[in-house]
Amino acid sequence: MNNRYSRQQLFSPIGQAGQQAMKQKHVLIVGVGALGSASAEALVRAGVGKLTLIDRDYVEWSNLQRQQLYTEQDAQEKLPKVIAAKNRLQQINTEVAIHVAIMEACTESLLPLLDDIDVIVDATDNFDVRFLMNDLAQQHRIPWVYGSCVSSYGATYTIVPGKTPCLRCLLKVMPQTGMTCDTVGIISPPVQIVAAYQVAEVLKLLVGDDKALRKSYLTFDVWQNQHYEINVDKIRQDDCPTCGHHPTYPSLAYENQTKLEVLCGRDAVQIRPPNPTHYNLEQLADQLRPYGDIHMNPYLLSCQTEEYRIVIFQDGRVVIHGIQEIQKAKTIYYRLLG
């Protein structure tokens, strides 16, 4: 046990002092799917003092191709991801305190966790949660590392309150594809690359080497051998409602959050995004066609699967028929529409 971190301590930017500093730090990982499980394992092996994991989902067979902490037995038992992750992580390093919560990431659930958090790792699958994290991180002055991957693409960026543009500023230059892992698939290499970049940034933050933090927004396509870094230093806006001079943290307000409601007597759940979202219905039809029969007119698109019918209106409103469970509806919504 005494030489567990010897090779890491030989790395001069960390050293013994950095290792001791890391042992005192607490990292929150929001989402324990592909990115979250990879980052959690790397941080536990590195010797972070405390790790908190939150996720609402359980292990499925389709996860095993890229979510490295999980086994066939986890999928057979449908174990909650945070429980399966904790079981495996404790076998890797008993020195790390691991706390888990099976829950939806929302303002009410995240707020109580932030008191002693040093860094937040984004391992979510949708921008609703990311904007919540963005506002909470700015409000509580906690650095966080954005990460996303789909198909053969990946992207990551490090956000430090008071020093870098926030996610709301960044959205002006980020490519918005509308793709999700459920509609276009994903291979494992971009997961590992994004997680590696995220963990590297977290380690820099934990040991206090802020000068080494990457300043650019990084995106790549491993299949097409493309790699881009975008300088975003100048996109920070003084009037940004999240990181500007007079922040209002709009994503924390109820009226600006995605609304879900069970439609009485219709065996359906309606989902309304906080802002109108104008879909390209023809492009969306191509994405959803593998899931079922598509019917479309100038005003809406309907996708009939084996289990339910999804109706998507041009203004972004979605009705999922054949379901009354809010959480299941939300899972379907994010998996298909991002």
Protein backbone atom coordinates (compact mmCIF):
# COMPACT_ATOMS: atom_id res chain seq x y z
CA MET A 1 0.00 0.00 0.00
CA ASN A 2 2.89 2.38 0.74
CA ASN A 3 3.99 2.55 -2.89
CA ARG A 4 0.51 2.60 -4.47
CA TYR A 5 0.99 6.15 -5.80
CA SER A 6 4.77 6.04 -6.27
CA ARG A 7 4.72 6.40 -10.07
CA GLN A 8 2.22 9.22 -9.90
CA GLN A 9 4.30 11.04 -7.28
CA LEU A 10 7.36 10.77 -9.51
CA PHE A 11 5.45 12.97 -11.95
CA SER A 12 6.80 16.34 -10.78
CA PRO A 13 3.65 18.48 -11.28
CA ILE A 14 1.96 16.22 -8.68
CA GLY A 15 4.74 14.94 -6.40
CA GLN A 16 4.18 14.08 -2.75
CA ALA A 17 2.64 17.46 -1.97
CA GLY A 18 0.11 17.11 -4.77
CA GLN A 19 -0.71 13.57 -3.69
CA GLN A 20 -1.41 14.76 -0.16
CA ALA A 21 -3.52 17.63 -1.48
CA MET A 22 -5.52 15.22 -3.62
CA LYS A 23 -6.24 13.06 -0.57
CA GLN A 24 -8.05 16.01 1.02
CA LYS A 25 -10.27 16.76 -1.99
CA HIS A 26 -13.84 15.84 -2.86
CA VAL A 27 -15.02 15.31 -6.45
CA LEU A 28 -18.65 15.07 -7.58
CA ILE A 29 -19.42 13.09 -10.74
CA VAL A 30 -22.88 13.73 -12.18
CA GLY A 31 -23.85 10.65 -14.18
CA VAL A 32 -22.14 7.27 -14.03
CA GLY A 33 -22.55 6.04 -17.58
CA ALA A 34 -19.67 5.83 -20.04
CA LEU A 35 -17.82 9.03 -19.12
CA GLY A 36 -18.71 8.87 -15.45
CA SER A 37 -17.56 5.30 -14.92
CA ALA A 38 -14.27 5.91 -16.74
CA SER A 39 -13.57 9.10 -14.78
CA ALA A 40 -14.57 7.52 -11.48
CA GLU A 41 -12.18 4.61 -11.94
CA ALA A 42 -9.28 6.88 -12.92
CA LEU A 43 -9.83 9.21 -9.94
CA VAL A 44 -10.15 6.35 -7.47
CA ARG A 45 -6.92 4.84 -8.77
CA ALA A 46 -5.27 8.27 -8.52
CA GLY A 47 -6.15 8.54 -4.82
CA VAL A 48 -8.73 11.31 -4.59
CA GLY A 49 -9.93 11.56 -0.98
CA LYS A 50 -13.67 11.47 -1.50
CA LEU A 51 -15.88 10.75 -4.49
CA THR A 52 -19.63 11.31 -4.76
CA LEU A 53 -21.54 9.68 -7.62
CA ILE A 54 -25.14 10.39 -8.63
CA ASP A 55 -27.18 8.66 -11.33
CA ARG A 56 -30.83 7.70 -11.76
CA ASP A 57 -30.36 4.69 -14.04
CA TYR A 58 -29.58 0.97 -13.76
CA VAL A 59 -27.12 -1.20 -15.72
CA GLU A 60 -28.41 -2.52 -19.06
CA TRP A 61 -26.82 -4.88 -21.57
CA SER A 62 -26.27 -2.05 -24.07
CA ASN A 63 -24.06 -0.31 -21.48
CA LEU A 64 -21.44 -3.06 -21.33
CA GLN A 65 -19.86 -2.15 -24.69
CA ARG A 66 -18.41 1.11 -23.33
CA GLN A 67 -19.19 1.55 -19.60
CA GLN A 68 -16.11 -0.02 -18.13
CA LEU A 69 -17.07 -0.54 -14.47
CA TYR A 70 -20.00 -2.85 -15.16
CA THR A 71 -20.33 -6.60 -15.67
CA GLU A 72 -22.86 -9.01 -17.13
CA GLN A 73 -24.02 -9.83 -13.61
CA ASP A 74 -24.76 -6.14 -12.97
CA ALA A 75 -26.92 -6.09 -16.11
CA GLN A 76 -28.67 -9.34 -15.20
CA GLU A 77 -29.53 -7.98 -11.76
CA LYS A 78 -30.41 -4.52 -13.16
CA LEU A 79 -28.29 -2.97 -10.42
CA PRO A 80 -28.46 0.82 -10.09
CA LYS A 81 -25.34 2.18 -11.76
CA VAL A 82 -24.09 3.98 -8.66
CA ILE A 83 -24.34 0.77 -6.60
CA ALA A 84 -22.54 -1.33 -9.21
CA ALA A 85 -19.93 1.40 -9.58
CA LYS A 86 -19.33 1.65 -5.84
CA ASN A 87 -18.99 -2.14 -5.53
CA ARG A 88 -16.27 -2.19 -8.17
CA LEU A 89 -14.50 1.00 -7.05
CA GLN A 90 -14.20 -0.21 -3.47
CA GLN A 91 -12.42 -3.31 -4.76
CA ILE A 92 -9.95 -1.03 -6.56
CA ASN A 93 -9.07 1.33 -3.71
CA THR A 94 -10.35 1.03 -0.13
CA GLU A 95 -8.64 4.31 0.83
CA VAL A 96 -11.17 6.41 -1.10
CA ALA A 97 -14.46 7.38 0.56
CA ILE A 98 -17.21 6.76 -1.98
CA HIS A 99 -20.69 8.19 -1.53
CA VAL A 100 -23.51 7.43 -3.94
CA ALA A 101 -27.06 8.58 -4.56
CA ILE A 102 -29.68 6.98 -6.80
CA MET A 103 -31.49 10.09 -7.94
CA GLU A 104 -32.36 12.51 -10.69
CA ALA A 105 -29.92 15.40 -11.11
CA CYS A 106 -31.98 18.52 -10.43
CA THR A 107 -31.58 21.72 -8.42
CA GLU A 108 -33.09 20.22 -5.28
CA SER A 109 -30.95 17.07 -5.39
CA LEU A 110 -27.66 18.75 -6.33
CA LEU A 111 -27.74 21.68 -3.90
CA PRO A 112 -27.23 19.64 -0.68
CA LEU A 113 -24.16 17.97 -2.20
CA LEU A 114 -22.18 21.12 -2.98
CA ASP A 115 -20.96 22.27 0.45
CA ASP A 116 -17.51 20.66 0.33
CA ILE A 117 -17.14 19.82 -3.36
CA ASP A 118 -13.84 20.88 -4.97
CA VAL A 119 -14.52 19.88 -8.60
CA ILE A 120 -17.56 18.68 -10.56
CA VAL A 121 -17.24 16.24 -13.48
CA ASP A 122 -19.95 16.43 -16.14
CA ALA A 123 -20.91 12.93 -17.26
CA THR A 124 -24.54 13.65 -18.10
CA ASP A 125 -26.45 12.97 -21.29
CA ASN A 126 -28.43 16.19 -21.72
CA PHE A 127 -28.08 19.95 -21.67
CA ASP A 128 -30.89 20.57 -19.18
CA VAL A 129 -28.77 19.08 -16.41
CA ARG A 130 -25.61 20.70 -17.74
CA PHE A 131 -27.17 24.17 -17.58
CA LEU A 132 -28.29 23.45 -14.01
CA MET A 133 -24.74 22.41 -13.14
CA ASN A 134 -23.39 25.49 -14.91
CA ASP A 135 -25.54 27.84 -12.82
CA LEU A 136 -24.91 25.99 -9.55
CA ALA A 137 -21.16 25.82 -10.18
CA GLN A 138 -21.00 29.57 -10.90
CA GLN A 139 -23.19 30.38 -7.90
CA HIS A 140 -21.03 28.29 -5.56
CA ARG A 141 -17.70 29.08 -7.31
CA ILE A 142 -16.88 25.43 -8.07
CA PRO A 143 -14.86 24.54 -11.18
CA TRP A 144 -16.32 21.86 -13.42
CA VAL A 145 -15.26 19.94 -16.51
CA TYR A 146 -17.74 19.60 -19.37
CA GLY A 147 -17.61 16.43 -21.47
CA SER A 148 -19.73 14.82 -24.15
CA CYS A 149 -19.43 12.08 -26.75
CA VAL A 150 -21.64 10.48 -29.37
CA SER A 151 -20.97 8.36 -32.45
CA SER A 152 -17.22 8.89 -33.05
CA TYR A 153 -17.20 12.48 -31.74
CA GLY A 154 -16.08 13.87 -28.42
CA ALA A 155 -15.75 17.28 -26.80
CA THR A 156 -14.55 18.72 -23.49
CA TYR A 157 -13.93 22.07 -21.84
CA THR A 158 -12.88 23.22 -18.37
CA ILE A 159 -14.97 25.94 -16.72
CA VAL A 160 -13.56 27.91 -13.79
CA PRO A 161 -15.91 30.51 -12.30
CA GLY A 162 -14.54 34.03 -12.55
CA LYS A 163 -11.80 33.01 -14.97
CA THR A 164 -13.31 31.31 -18.03
CA PRO A 165 -16.47 31.62 -20.10
CA CYS A 166 -19.31 29.51 -18.73
CA LEU A 167 -21.37 26.94 -20.62
CA ARG A 168 -24.00 29.53 -21.54
CA CYS A 169 -21.31 31.67 -23.20
CA LEU A 170 -19.73 28.59 -24.77
CA LEU A 171 -22.97 27.46 -26.41
CA LYS A 172 -22.49 30.18 -29.01
CA VAL A 173 -19.54 28.31 -30.52
CA MET A 174 -20.35 24.69 -29.68
CA PRO A 175 -21.68 22.61 -32.59
CA GLN A 176 -25.24 21.43 -31.87
CA THR A 177 -25.79 18.14 -33.67
CA GLY A 178 -28.97 16.91 -31.97
CA MET A 179 -27.51 13.39 -32.11
CA THR A 180 -27.74 10.97 -29.19
CA CYS A 181 -26.16 7.57 -28.51
CA ASP A 182 -29.58 5.97 -28.94
CA THR A 183 -30.15 7.46 -32.39
CA VAL A 184 -26.70 7.32 -34.01
CA GLY A 185 -24.81 4.99 -31.67
CA ILE A 186 -21.39 5.36 -30.09
CA ILE A 187 -18.05 3.56 -30.12
CA SER A 188 -15.83 3.35 -27.07
CA PRO A 189 -12.67 5.25 -28.18
CA PRO A 190 -14.18 8.77 -27.91
CA VAL A 191 -15.40 7.89 -24.41
CA GLN A 192 -11.90 7.00 -23.28
CA ILE A 193 -10.38 10.09 -24.89
CA VAL A 194 -12.88 12.54 -23.38
CA ALA A 195 -12.62 10.89 -19.97
CA ALA A 196 -8.80 11.05 -20.13
CA TYR A 197 -8.92 14.79 -20.89
CA GLN A 198 -11.50 15.36 -18.16
CA VAL A 199 -9.50 13.47 -15.54
CA ALA A 200 -6.30 15.28 -16.49
CA GLU A 201 -8.05 18.62 -15.94
CA VAL A 202 -9.49 17.43 -12.62
CA LEU A 203 -6.03 16.37 -11.42
CA LYS A 204 -4.65 19.80 -12.31
CA LEU A 205 -7.41 21.46 -10.31
CA LEU A 206 -6.98 19.13 -7.33
CA VAL A 207 -3.24 19.80 -7.02
CA GLY A 208 -3.64 23.53 -7.67
CA ASP A 209 -1.83 23.70 -11.01
CA ASP A 210 -4.29 26.13 -12.59
CA LYS A 211 -1.71 27.44 -15.07
CA ALA A 212 -1.66 24.03 -16.76
CA LEU A 213 -5.42 24.01 -17.41
CA ARG A 214 -6.39 23.82 -21.07
CA LYS A 215 -7.89 27.13 -22.21
CA SER A 216 -9.54 25.87 -25.39
CA TYR A 217 -12.74 24.03 -26.27
CA LEU A 218 -11.57 20.67 -27.62
CA THR A 219 -13.53 18.56 -30.10
CA PHE A 220 -12.54 15.58 -32.25
CA ASP A 221 -13.76 12.76 -34.48
CA VAL A 222 -11.69 9.61 -34.03
CA TRP A 223 -13.14 7.94 -37.12
CA GLN A 224 -12.38 10.82 -39.48
CA ASN A 225 -9.06 11.62 -37.77
CA GLN A 226 -10.12 15.19 -37.04
CA HIS A 227 -9.05 17.24 -34.03
CA TYR A 228 -9.97 20.87 -33.34
CA GLU A 229 -9.23 23.30 -30.54
CA ILE A 230 -11.26 26.50 -30.42
CA ASN A 231 -9.94 29.50 -28.52
CA VAL A 232 -12.90 30.72 -26.48
CA ASP A 233 -11.22 33.23 -24.16
CA LYS A 234 -12.99 36.19 -25.74
CA ILE A 235 -16.53 34.82 -25.82
CA ARG A 236 -17.23 35.54 -22.15
CA GLN A 237 -20.04 38.09 -21.98
CA ASP A 238 -20.31 40.78 -19.29
CA ASP A 239 -24.10 40.53 -19.51
CA CYS A 240 -24.22 36.72 -19.35
CA PRO A 241 -27.04 35.80 -16.94
CA THR A 242 -24.87 33.06 -15.45
CA CYS A 243 -21.31 34.41 -15.28
CA GLY A 244 -21.75 38.12 -16.07
CA HIS A 245 -21.62 41.12 -13.75
CA HIS A 246 -25.23 40.69 -12.62
CA PRO A 247 -25.99 36.95 -12.67
CA THR A 248 -29.56 35.69 -12.32
CA TYR A 249 -28.82 31.96 -12.79
CA PRO A 250 -31.77 31.38 -15.11
CA SER A 251 -31.60 27.58 -15.20
CA LEU A 252 -32.31 27.44 -11.47
CA ALA A 253 -35.67 29.15 -11.94
CA TYR A 254 -38.65 26.81 -12.23
CA GLU A 255 -40.09 28.60 -15.24
CA ASN A 256 -36.88 27.95 -17.19
CA GLN A 257 -36.78 24.20 -16.59
CA THR A 258 -38.17 21.43 -18.75
CA LYS A 259 -41.73 20.64 -17.63
CA LEU A 260 -43.28 17.17 -17.61
CA GLU A 261 -46.90 16.41 -16.89
CA VAL A 262 -49.14 13.35 -17.12
CA LEU A 263 -52.03 14.07 -19.49
CA CYS A 264 -55.17 13.09 -17.61
CA GLY A 265 -57.18 10.35 -19.30
CA ARG A 266 -54.80 10.03 -22.24
CA ASP A 267 -52.16 7.55 -20.96
CA ALA A 268 -49.48 10.00 -22.05
CA VAL A 269 -46.82 12.36 -20.73
CA GLN A 270 -46.23 15.80 -22.22
CA ILE A 271 -42.77 17.34 -22.14
CA ARG A 272 -42.25 21.05 -22.73
CA PRO A 273 -38.71 22.45 -23.06
CA PRO A 274 -38.06 25.78 -21.32
CA ASN A 275 -37.64 27.54 -24.65
CA PRO A 276 -39.20 26.86 -28.07
CA THR A 277 -37.04 24.39 -30.01
CA HIS A 278 -37.66 24.33 -33.74
CA TYR A 279 -36.83 20.87 -35.06
CA ASN A 280 -35.95 19.99 -38.62
CA LEU A 281 -38.62 17.29 -38.86
CA GLU A 282 -37.16 15.59 -41.94
CA GLN A 283 -33.76 15.27 -40.29
CA LEU A 284 -35.39 14.07 -37.09
CA ALA A 285 -37.36 11.47 -39.05
CA ASP A 286 -34.11 9.99 -40.36
CA GLN A 287 -32.77 9.74 -36.79
CA LEU A 288 -35.88 8.06 -35.41
CA ARG A 289 -36.77 5.78 -38.32
CA PRO A 290 -34.83 2.78 -36.86
CA TYR A 291 -37.11 2.96 -33.81
CA GLY A 292 -40.47 2.56 -35.53
CA ASP A 293 -42.95 3.74 -38.12
CA ILE A 294 -42.69 7.45 -38.95
CA HIS A 295 -45.61 9.66 -39.93
CA MET A 296 -45.05 13.34 -40.58
CA ASN A 297 -46.89 16.46 -41.67
CA PRO A 298 -45.76 20.12 -41.76
CA TYR A 299 -46.59 20.53 -38.05
CA LEU A 300 -45.46 17.39 -36.25
CA LEU A 301 -43.68 14.05 -36.46
CA SER A 302 -45.01 10.80 -34.98
CA CYS A 303 -42.86 7.74 -34.27
CA GLN A 304 -44.69 4.54 -33.34
CA THR A 305 -42.43 2.05 -31.53
CA GLU A 306 -43.37 -1.35 -30.15
CA GLU A 307 -44.05 0.16 -26.71
CA TYR A 308 -45.18 3.76 -27.20
CA ARG A 309 -45.88 6.55 -29.66
CA ILE A 310 -43.79 9.73 -29.62
CA VAL A 311 -45.28 12.87 -31.13
CA ILE A 312 -42.88 15.78 -31.65
CA PHE A 313 -44.20 19.24 -32.49
CA GLN A 314 -42.16 21.83 -34.34
CA ASP A 315 -41.98 24.12 -31.29
CA GLY A 316 -40.21 21.36 -29.31
CA ARG A 317 -43.20 20.07 -27.34
CA VAL A 318 -43.24 16.25 -27.11
CA VAL A 319 -46.06 13.88 -26.12
CA ILE A 320 -45.18 10.26 -25.33
CA HIS A 321 -48.26 8.04 -25.53
CA GLY A 322 -48.54 4.68 -23.77
CA ILE A 323 -46.79 5.78 -20.59
CA GLN A 324 -47.69 7.55 -17.33
CA GLU A 325 -44.37 7.47 -15.49
CA ILE A 326 -42.64 10.86 -15.47
CA GLN A 327 -39.13 9.50 -14.96
CA LYS A 328 -39.45 6.87 -17.70
CA ALA A 329 -40.80 9.53 -20.06
CA LYS A 330 -37.84 11.77 -19.27
CA THR A 331 -35.41 8.92 -19.97
CA ILE A 332 -37.04 8.22 -23.36
CA TYR A 333 -37.01 11.95 -24.19
CA TYR A 334 -33.32 12.47 -23.48
CA ARG A 335 -32.23 9.23 -25.12
CA LEU A 336 -33.95 10.07 -28.40
CA LEU A 337 -33.74 13.85 -28.50
CA GLY A 338 -30.72 14.73 -26.38
